[in-house]
Amino acid sequence: MLSGDSLPLRKPDPLPLLTAAQRIGIQPARCLYLGDALRDVQAARAANMVALGARFGYIGAHDDVADWPVTAWIEQPLELLGWVGLRH
């Protein structure tokens, strides 16, 4: 198990994401990371993962997401299926 306090560094440092990828045996470049905070997408980019933004998460009404370094925005959870090659 890997949680927010498992490692000495936290997002936006890429260590938690890189550790997770290593534990499941997947190269970071083959990973999608769906985040709802700027630190999530910053960590994904730093880990060389595809950074997707979740508009349905904890993004507040006053959060300025225009400059977030996402590959794409996901409006609802089922949209993620298309990113992993499945249909809904």
PDB file of N, CA and C in Angstrom:
ATOM      1  N   MET A   1       0.843  -1.172   0.000  1.00  0.00           N
ATOM      2  CA  MET A   1       0.000   0.000   0.000  1.00  0.00           C
ATOM      3  C   MET A   1       0.897   1.248   0.000  1.00  0.00           C
ATOM      4  N   LEU A   2       0.438   2.258  -0.690  1.00  0.00           N
ATOM      5  CA  LEU A   2       1.168   3.514  -0.786  1.00  0.00           C
ATOM      6  C   LEU A   2       0.180   4.636  -0.516  1.00  0.00           C
ATOM      7  N   SER A   3       0.450   5.440   0.483  1.00  0.00           N
ATOM      8  CA  SER A   3      -0.446   6.550   0.801  1.00  0.00           C
ATOM      9  C   SER A   3       0.347   7.842   0.868  1.00  0.00           C
ATOM     10  N   GLY A   4      -0.337   8.930   1.155  1.00  0.00           N
ATOM     11  CA  GLY A   4       0.284  10.248   1.142  1.00  0.00           C
ATOM     12  C   GLY A   4       1.435  10.425   2.107  1.00  0.00           C
ATOM     13  N   ASP A   5       1.473   9.631   3.165  1.00  0.00           N
ATOM     14  CA  ASP A   5       2.559   9.774   4.136  1.00  0.00           C
ATOM     15  C   ASP A   5       3.501   8.573   4.153  1.00  0.00           C
ATOM     16  N   SER A   6       3.476   7.763   3.106  1.00  0.00           N
ATOM     17  CA  SER A   6       4.341   6.578   3.025  1.00  0.00           C
ATOM     18  C   SER A   6       5.796   6.891   2.720  1.00  0.00           C
ATOM     19  N   LEU A   7       6.035   8.013   2.065  1.00  0.00           N
ATOM     20  CA  LEU A   7       7.372   8.360   1.597  1.00  0.00           C
ATOM     21  C   LEU A   7       7.806   9.695   2.182  1.00  0.00           C
ATOM     22  N   PRO A   8       9.106   9.967   2.170  1.00  0.00           N
ATOM     23  CA  PRO A   8       9.575  11.228   2.739  1.00  0.00           C
ATOM     24  C   PRO A   8       9.203  12.464   1.913  1.00  0.00           C
ATOM     25  N   LEU A   9       8.865  12.274   0.636  1.00  0.00           N
ATOM     26  CA  LEU A   9       8.478  13.383  -0.238  1.00  0.00           C
ATOM     27  C   LEU A   9       7.044  13.199  -0.694  1.00  0.00           C
ATOM     28  N   ARG A  10       6.354  14.307  -0.881  1.00  0.00           N
ATOM     29  CA  ARG A  10       4.953  14.283  -1.321  1.00  0.00           C
ATOM     30  C   ARG A  10       4.817  15.053  -2.632  1.00  0.00           C
ATOM     31  N   LYS A  11       3.685  14.836  -3.311  1.00  0.00           N
ATOM     32  CA  LYS A  11       3.403  15.592  -4.527  1.00  0.00           C
ATOM     33  C   LYS A  11       3.476  17.081  -4.195  1.00  0.00           C
ATOM     34  N   PRO A  12       4.037  17.886  -5.044  1.00  0.00           N
ATOM     35  CA  PRO A  12       4.277  17.686  -6.465  1.00  0.00           C
ATOM     36  C   PRO A  12       5.577  16.966  -6.815  1.00  0.00           C
ATOM     37  N   ASP A  13       6.345  16.536  -5.818  1.00  0.00           N
ATOM     38  CA  ASP A  13       7.511  15.724  -6.122  1.00  0.00           C
ATOM     39  C   ASP A  13       7.033  14.428  -6.785  1.00  0.00           C
ATOM     40  N   PRO A  14       7.712  13.936  -7.811  1.00  0.00           N
ATOM     41  CA  PRO A  14       7.254  12.739  -8.516  1.00  0.00           C
ATOM     42  C   PRO A  14       7.508  11.424  -7.779  1.00  0.00           C
ATOM     43  N   LEU A  15       8.223  11.434  -6.661  1.00  0.00           N
ATOM     44  CA  LEU A  15       8.578  10.190  -5.980  1.00  0.00           C
ATOM     45  C   LEU A  15       7.378   9.279  -5.691  1.00  0.00           C
ATOM     46  N   PRO A  16       6.254   9.779  -5.176  1.00  0.00           N
ATOM     47  CA  PRO A  16       5.129   8.866  -4.922  1.00  0.00           C
ATOM     48  C   PRO A  16       4.617   8.182  -6.195  1.00  0.00           C
ATOM     49  N   LEU A  17       4.557   8.910  -7.297  1.00  0.00           N
ATOM     50  CA  LEU A  17       4.074   8.330  -8.544  1.00  0.00           C
ATOM     51  C   LEU A  17       5.066   7.340  -9.120  1.00  0.00           C
ATOM     52  N   LEU A  18       6.344   7.697  -9.062  1.00  0.00           N
ATOM     53  CA  LEU A  18       7.379   6.793  -9.567  1.00  0.00           C
ATOM     54  C   LEU A  18       7.446   5.516  -8.730  1.00  0.00           C
ATOM     55  N   THR A  19       7.270   5.650  -7.436  1.00  0.00           N
ATOM     56  CA  THR A  19       7.265   4.482  -6.554  1.00  0.00           C
ATOM     57  C   THR A  19       6.086   3.574  -6.870  1.00  0.00           C
ATOM     58  N   ALA A  20       4.918   4.145  -7.074  1.00  0.00           N
ATOM     59  CA  ALA A  20       3.735   3.352  -7.411  1.00  0.00           C
ATOM     60  C   ALA A  20       3.940   2.605  -8.726  1.00  0.00           C
ATOM     61  N   ALA A  21       4.456   3.294  -9.737  1.00  0.00           N
ATOM     62  CA  ALA A  21       4.707   2.652 -11.036  1.00  0.00           C
ATOM     63  C   ALA A  21       5.708   1.511 -10.887  1.00  0.00           C
ATOM     64  N   GLN A  22       6.746   1.737 -10.116  1.00  0.00           N
ATOM     65  CA  GLN A  22       7.750   0.692  -9.904  1.00  0.00           C
ATOM     66  C   GLN A  22       7.138  -0.514  -9.208  1.00  0.00           C
ATOM     67  N   ARG A  23       6.312  -0.278  -8.219  1.00  0.00           N
ATOM     68  CA  ARG A  23       5.700  -1.375  -7.462  1.00  0.00           C
ATOM     69  C   ARG A  23       4.779  -2.240  -8.317  1.00  0.00           C
ATOM     70  N   ILE A  24       4.128  -1.632  -9.299  1.00  0.00           N
ATOM     71  CA  ILE A  24       3.257  -2.436 -10.162  1.00  0.00           C
ATOM     72  C   ILE A  24       3.946  -2.874 -11.447  1.00  0.00           C
ATOM     73  N   GLY A  25       5.213  -2.481 -11.604  1.00  0.00           N
ATOM     74  CA  GLY A  25       5.998  -2.942 -12.737  1.00  0.00           C
ATOM     75  C   GLY A  25       5.644  -2.312 -14.065  1.00  0.00           C
ATOM     76  N   ILE A  26       5.243  -1.048 -14.049  1.00  0.00           N
ATOM     77  CA  ILE A  26       4.877  -0.334 -15.274  1.00  0.00           C
ATOM     78  C   ILE A  26       5.811   0.861 -15.447  1.00  0.00           C
ATOM     79  N   GLN A  27       6.300   1.073 -16.648  1.00  0.00           N
ATOM     80  CA  GLN A  27       7.123   2.239 -16.938  1.00  0.00           C
ATOM     81  C   GLN A  27       6.270   3.503 -16.773  1.00  0.00           C
ATOM     82  N   PRO A  28       6.792   4.540 -16.140  1.00  0.00           N
ATOM     83  CA  PRO A  28       6.010   5.764 -15.942  1.00  0.00           C
ATOM     84  C   PRO A  28       5.418   6.333 -17.228  1.00  0.00           C
ATOM     85  N   ALA A  29       6.134   6.246 -18.325  1.00  0.00           N
ATOM     86  CA  ALA A  29       5.624   6.795 -19.590  1.00  0.00           C
ATOM     87  C   ALA A  29       4.374   6.073 -20.077  1.00  0.00           C
ATOM     88  N   ARG A  30       4.088   4.894 -19.541  1.00  0.00           N
ATOM     89  CA  ARG A  30       2.884   4.139 -19.922  1.00  0.00           C
ATOM     90  C   ARG A  30       1.740   4.341 -18.924  1.00  0.00           C
ATOM     91  N   CYS A  31       1.924   5.260 -17.988  1.00  0.00           N
ATOM     92  CA  CYS A  31       0.927   5.505 -16.941  1.00  0.00           C
ATOM     93  C   CYS A  31       0.095   6.746 -17.231  1.00  0.00           C
ATOM     94  N   LEU A  32      -1.172   6.669 -16.865  1.00  0.00           N
ATOM     95  CA  LEU A  32      -2.059   7.824 -16.828  1.00  0.00           C
ATOM     96  C   LEU A  32      -2.204   8.213 -15.367  1.00  0.00           C
ATOM     97  N   TYR A  33      -2.197   9.500 -15.085  1.00  0.00           N
ATOM     98  CA  TYR A  33      -2.439   9.957 -13.723  1.00  0.00           C
ATOM     99  C   TYR A  33      -3.560  10.978 -13.767  1.00  0.00           C
ATOM    100  N   LEU A  34      -4.633  10.685 -13.083  1.00  0.00           N
ATOM    101  CA  LEU A  34      -5.806  11.557 -13.040  1.00  0.00           C
ATOM    102  C   LEU A  34      -5.780  12.317 -11.730  1.00  0.00           C
ATOM    103  N   GLY A  35      -5.708  13.633 -11.823  1.00  0.00           N
ATOM    104  CA  GLY A  35      -5.615  14.443 -10.617  1.00  0.00           C
ATOM    105  C   GLY A  35      -6.641  15.554 -10.573  1.00  0.00           C
ATOM    106  N   ASP A  36      -6.922  16.002  -9.356  1.00  0.00           N
ATOM    107  CA  ASP A  36      -7.856  17.103  -9.172  1.00  0.00           C
ATOM    108  C   ASP A  36      -7.231  18.257  -8.395  1.00  0.00           C
ATOM    109  N   ALA A  37      -5.904  18.297  -8.407  1.00  0.00           N
ATOM    110  CA  ALA A  37      -5.164  19.398  -7.792  1.00  0.00           C
ATOM    111  C   ALA A  37      -3.933  19.680  -8.644  1.00  0.00           C
ATOM    112  N   LEU A  38      -3.485  20.914  -8.620  1.00  0.00           N
ATOM    113  CA  LEU A  38      -2.320  21.292  -9.417  1.00  0.00           C
ATOM    114  C   LEU A  38      -1.120  20.427  -9.064  1.00  0.00           C
ATOM    115  N   ARG A  39      -0.910  20.139  -7.791  1.00  0.00           N
ATOM    116  CA  ARG A  39       0.240  19.314  -7.387  1.00  0.00           C
ATOM    117  C   ARG A  39       0.175  17.920  -8.008  1.00  0.00           C
ATOM    118  N   ASP A  40      -1.040  17.419  -8.274  1.00  0.00           N
ATOM    119  CA  ASP A  40      -1.195  16.111  -8.923  1.00  0.00           C
ATOM    120  C   ASP A  40      -0.639  16.130 -10.342  1.00  0.00           C
ATOM    121  N   VAL A  41      -1.052  17.113 -11.122  1.00  0.00           N
ATOM    122  CA  VAL A  41      -0.608  17.147 -12.517  1.00  0.00           C
ATOM    123  C   VAL A  41       0.863  17.549 -12.628  1.00  0.00           C
ATOM    124  N   GLN A  42       1.340  18.357 -11.695  1.00  0.00           N
ATOM    125  CA  GLN A  42       2.767  18.682 -11.678  1.00  0.00           C
ATOM    126  C   GLN A  42       3.594  17.425 -11.406  1.00  0.00           C
ATOM    127  N   ALA A  43       3.144  16.611 -10.457  1.00  0.00           N
ATOM    128  CA  ALA A  43       3.850  15.367 -10.140  1.00  0.00           C
ATOM    129  C   ALA A  43       3.815  14.413 -11.324  1.00  0.00           C
ATOM    130  N   ALA A  44       2.674  14.315 -11.990  1.00  0.00           N
ATOM    131  CA  ALA A  44       2.559  13.429 -13.148  1.00  0.00           C
ATOM    132  C   ALA A  44       3.514  13.851 -14.257  1.00  0.00           C
ATOM    133  N   ARG A  45       3.581  15.127 -14.550  1.00  0.00           N
ATOM    134  CA  ARG A  45       4.496  15.622 -15.581  1.00  0.00           C
ATOM    135  C   ARG A  45       5.947  15.353 -15.192  1.00  0.00           C
ATOM    136  N   ALA A  46       6.275  15.603 -13.924  1.00  0.00           N
ATOM    137  CA  ALA A  46       7.650  15.380 -13.460  1.00  0.00           C
ATOM    138  C   ALA A  46       8.026  13.903 -13.505  1.00  0.00           C
ATOM    139  N   ALA A  47       7.019  13.024 -13.400  1.00  0.00           N
ATOM    140  CA  ALA A  47       7.256  11.578 -13.454  1.00  0.00           C
ATOM    141  C   ALA A  47       7.195  11.039 -14.883  1.00  0.00           C
ATOM    142  N   ASN A  48       6.972  11.920 -15.863  1.00  0.00           N
ATOM    143  CA  ASN A  48       6.862  11.530 -17.273  1.00  0.00           C
ATOM    144  C   ASN A  48       5.629  10.666 -17.519  1.00  0.00           C
ATOM    145  N   MET A  49       4.544  10.983 -16.822  1.00  0.00           N
ATOM    146  CA  MET A  49       3.266  10.292 -17.009  1.00  0.00           C
ATOM    147  C   MET A  49       2.306  11.211 -17.748  1.00  0.00           C
ATOM    148  N   VAL A  50       1.277  10.624 -18.348  1.00  0.00           N
ATOM    149  CA  VAL A  50       0.218  11.419 -18.960  1.00  0.00           C
ATOM    150  C   VAL A  50      -0.601  12.021 -17.826  1.00  0.00           C
ATOM    151  N   ALA A  51      -0.723  13.342 -17.822  1.00  0.00           N
ATOM    152  CA  ALA A  51      -1.434  14.043 -16.762  1.00  0.00           C
ATOM    153  C   ALA A  51      -2.833  14.424 -17.231  1.00  0.00           C
ATOM    154  N   LEU A  52      -3.827  13.836 -16.596  1.00  0.00           N
ATOM    155  CA  LEU A  52      -5.217  14.167 -16.885  1.00  0.00           C
ATOM    156  C   LEU A  52      -5.790  14.926 -15.699  1.00  0.00           C
ATOM    157  N   GLY A  53      -6.626  15.908 -15.986  1.00  0.00           N
ATOM    158  CA  GLY A  53      -7.261  16.678 -14.925  1.00  0.00           C
ATOM    159  C   GLY A  53      -8.702  16.252 -14.744  1.00  0.00           C
ATOM    160  N   ALA A  54      -9.121  16.097 -13.498  1.00  0.00           N
ATOM    161  CA  ALA A  54     -10.496  15.693 -13.165  1.00  0.00           C
ATOM    162  C   ALA A  54     -11.300  16.926 -12.772  1.00  0.00           C
ATOM    163  N   ARG A  55     -12.187  17.340 -13.619  1.00  0.00           N
ATOM    164  CA  ARG A  55     -13.029  18.506 -13.312  1.00  0.00           C
ATOM    165  C   ARG A  55     -14.102  18.171 -12.276  1.00  0.00           C
ATOM    166  N   PHE A  56     -14.304  16.909 -11.995  1.00  0.00           N
ATOM    167  CA  PHE A  56     -15.342  16.493 -11.057  1.00  0.00           C
ATOM    168  C   PHE A  56     -14.797  16.259  -9.650  1.00  0.00           C
ATOM    169  N   GLY A  57     -13.556  16.622  -9.405  1.00  0.00           N
ATOM    170  CA  GLY A  57     -12.931  16.366  -8.109  1.00  0.00           C
ATOM    171  C   GLY A  57     -13.072  17.532  -7.157  1.00  0.00           C
ATOM    172  N   TYR A  58     -11.975  17.863  -6.503  1.00  0.00           N
ATOM    173  CA  TYR A  58     -11.973  18.886  -5.464  1.00  0.00           C
ATOM    174  C   TYR A  58     -11.605  20.271  -5.967  1.00  0.00           C
ATOM    175  N   ILE A  59     -11.662  20.489  -7.260  1.00  0.00           N
ATOM    176  CA  ILE A  59     -11.337  21.806  -7.800  1.00  0.00           C
ATOM    177  C   ILE A  59     -12.401  22.791  -7.339  1.00  0.00           C
ATOM    178  N   GLY A  60     -11.940  23.859  -6.716  1.00  0.00           N
ATOM    179  CA  GLY A  60     -12.863  24.866  -6.209  1.00  0.00           C
ATOM    180  C   GLY A  60     -13.299  25.845  -7.284  1.00  0.00           C
ATOM    181  N   ALA A  61     -14.359  26.545  -7.006  1.00  0.00           N
ATOM    182  CA  ALA A  61     -14.898  27.519  -7.968  1.00  0.00           C
ATOM    183  C   ALA A  61     -13.900  28.623  -8.281  1.00  0.00           C
ATOM    184  N   HIS A  62     -12.997  28.919  -7.354  1.00  0.00           N
ATOM    185  CA  HIS A  62     -12.041  30.001  -7.553  1.00  0.00           C
ATOM    186  C   HIS A  62     -10.667  29.508  -8.017  1.00  0.00           C
ATOM    187  N   ASP A  63     -10.511  28.222  -8.203  1.00  0.00           N
ATOM    188  CA  ASP A  63      -9.231  27.694  -8.690  1.00  0.00           C
ATOM    189  C   ASP A  63      -9.070  28.034 -10.169  1.00  0.00           C
ATOM    190  N   ASP A  64      -7.930  28.605 -10.519  1.00  0.00           N
ATOM    191  CA  ASP A  64      -7.639  28.948 -11.909  1.00  0.00           C
ATOM    192  C   ASP A  64      -6.891  27.772 -12.541  1.00  0.00           C
ATOM    193  N   VAL A  65      -7.588  26.984 -13.333  1.00  0.00           N
ATOM    194  CA  VAL A  65      -7.015  25.764 -13.910  1.00  0.00           C
ATOM    195  C   VAL A  65      -6.499  25.966 -15.337  1.00  0.00           C
ATOM    196  N   ALA A  66      -6.597  27.174 -15.841  1.00  0.00           N
ATOM    197  CA  ALA A  66      -6.231  27.430 -17.240  1.00  0.00           C
ATOM    198  C   ALA A  66      -4.779  27.085 -17.547  1.00  0.00           C
ATOM    199  N   ASP A  67      -3.890  27.240 -16.594  1.00  0.00           N
ATOM    200  CA  ASP A  67      -2.468  26.995 -16.838  1.00  0.00           C
ATOM    201  C   ASP A  67      -1.976  25.647 -16.313  1.00  0.00           C
ATOM    202  N   TRP A  68      -2.885  24.803 -15.870  1.00  0.00           N
ATOM    203  CA  TRP A  68      -2.462  23.487 -15.383  1.00  0.00           C
ATOM    204  C   TRP A  68      -1.892  22.686 -16.554  1.00  0.00           C
ATOM    205  N   PRO A  69      -0.769  22.001 -16.382  1.00  0.00           N
ATOM    206  CA  PRO A  69      -0.131  21.270 -17.481  1.00  0.00           C
ATOM    207  C   PRO A  69      -0.759  19.896 -17.746  1.00  0.00           C
ATOM    208  N   VAL A  70      -2.051  19.894 -18.065  1.00  0.00           N
ATOM    209  CA  VAL A  70      -2.743  18.629 -18.324  1.00  0.00           C
ATOM    210  C   VAL A  70      -2.694  18.285 -19.806  1.00  0.00           C
ATOM    211  N   THR A  71      -2.738  17.007 -20.087  1.00  0.00           N
ATOM    212  CA  THR A  71      -2.889  16.546 -21.465  1.00  0.00           C
ATOM    213  C   THR A  71      -4.327  16.754 -21.911  1.00  0.00           C
ATOM    214  N   ALA A  72      -5.264  16.499 -21.008  1.00  0.00           N
ATOM    215  CA  ALA A  72      -6.685  16.671 -21.294  1.00  0.00           C
ATOM    216  C   ALA A  72      -7.446  16.760 -19.975  1.00  0.00           C
ATOM    217  N   TRP A  73      -8.654  17.286 -20.059  1.00  0.00           N
ATOM    218  CA  TRP A  73      -9.561  17.330 -18.911  1.00  0.00           C
ATOM    219  C   TRP A  73     -10.598  16.236 -19.032  1.00  0.00           C
ATOM    220  N   ILE A  74     -10.898  15.604 -17.940  1.00  0.00           N
ATOM    221  CA  ILE A  74     -11.940  14.580 -17.867  1.00  0.00           C
ATOM    222  C   ILE A  74     -13.118  15.213 -17.128  1.00  0.00           C
ATOM    223  N   GLU A  75     -14.255  15.266 -17.781  1.00  0.00           N
ATOM    224  CA  GLU A  75     -15.431  15.914 -17.195  1.00  0.00           C
ATOM    225  C   GLU A  75     -16.215  14.984 -16.267  1.00  0.00           C
ATOM    226  N   GLN A  76     -16.171  13.689 -16.574  1.00  0.00           N
ATOM    227  CA  GLN A  76     -16.875  12.702 -15.754  1.00  0.00           C
ATOM    228  C   GLN A  76     -16.076  11.402 -15.750  1.00  0.00           C
ATOM    229  N   PRO A  77     -16.209  10.618 -14.692  1.00  0.00           N
ATOM    230  CA  PRO A  77     -15.371   9.428 -14.547  1.00  0.00           C
ATOM    231  C   PRO A  77     -15.394   8.461 -15.735  1.00  0.00           C
ATOM    232  N   LEU A  78     -16.525   8.272 -16.364  1.00  0.00           N
ATOM    233  CA  LEU A  78     -16.593   7.312 -17.465  1.00  0.00           C
ATOM    234  C   LEU A  78     -15.720   7.690 -18.656  1.00  0.00           C
ATOM    235  N   GLU A  79     -15.370   8.959 -18.797  1.00  0.00           N
ATOM    236  CA  GLU A  79     -14.495   9.381 -19.894  1.00  0.00           C
ATOM    237  C   GLU A  79     -13.111   8.745 -19.801  1.00  0.00           C
ATOM    238  N   LEU A  80     -12.721   8.360 -18.613  1.00  0.00           N
ATOM    239  CA  LEU A  80     -11.409   7.737 -18.425  1.00  0.00           C
ATOM    240  C   LEU A  80     -11.308   6.417 -19.177  1.00  0.00           C
ATOM    241  N   LEU A  81     -12.423   5.742 -19.378  1.00  0.00           N
ATOM    242  CA  LEU A  81     -12.415   4.452 -20.094  1.00  0.00           C
ATOM    243  C   LEU A  81     -11.812   4.582 -21.491  1.00  0.00           C
ATOM    244  N   GLY A  82     -12.115   5.646 -22.174  1.00  0.00           N
ATOM    245  CA  GLY A  82     -11.555   5.863 -23.507  1.00  0.00           C
ATOM    246  C   GLY A  82     -10.037   6.000 -23.489  1.00  0.00           C
ATOM    247  N   TRP A  83      -9.500   6.541 -22.409  1.00  0.00           N
ATOM    248  CA  TRP A  83      -8.053   6.708 -22.281  1.00  0.00           C
ATOM    249  C   TRP A  83      -7.339   5.385 -22.034  1.00  0.00           C
ATOM    250  N   VAL A  84      -8.053   4.393 -21.566  1.00  0.00           N
ATOM    251  CA  VAL A  84      -7.429   3.090 -21.334  1.00  0.00           C
ATOM    252  C   VAL A  84      -7.894   2.062 -22.376  1.00  0.00           C
ATOM    253  N   GLY A  85      -8.531   2.546 -23.431  1.00  0.00           N
ATOM    254  CA  GLY A  85      -8.896   1.676 -24.544  1.00  0.00           C
ATOM    255  C   GLY A  85     -10.179   0.890 -24.364  1.00  0.00           C
ATOM    256  N   LEU A  86     -11.043   1.349 -23.476  1.00  0.00           N
ATOM    257  CA  LEU A  86     -12.335   0.695 -23.255  1.00  0.00           C
ATOM    258  C   LEU A  86     -13.463   1.651 -23.653  1.00  0.00           C
ATOM    259  N   ARG A  87     -14.596   1.078 -23.931  1.00  0.00           N
ATOM    260  CA  ARG A  87     -15.774   1.895 -24.256  1.00  0.00           C
ATOM    261  C   ARG A  87     -16.748   1.840 -23.093  1.00  0.00           C
ATOM    262  N   HIS A  88     -17.547   2.881 -23.000  1.00  0.00           N
ATOM    263  CA  HIS A  88     -18.605   2.858 -21.979  1.00  0.00           C
ATOM    264  C   HIS A  88     -19.967   2.947 -22.626  1.00  0.00           C
TER     265      HIS A  88
END
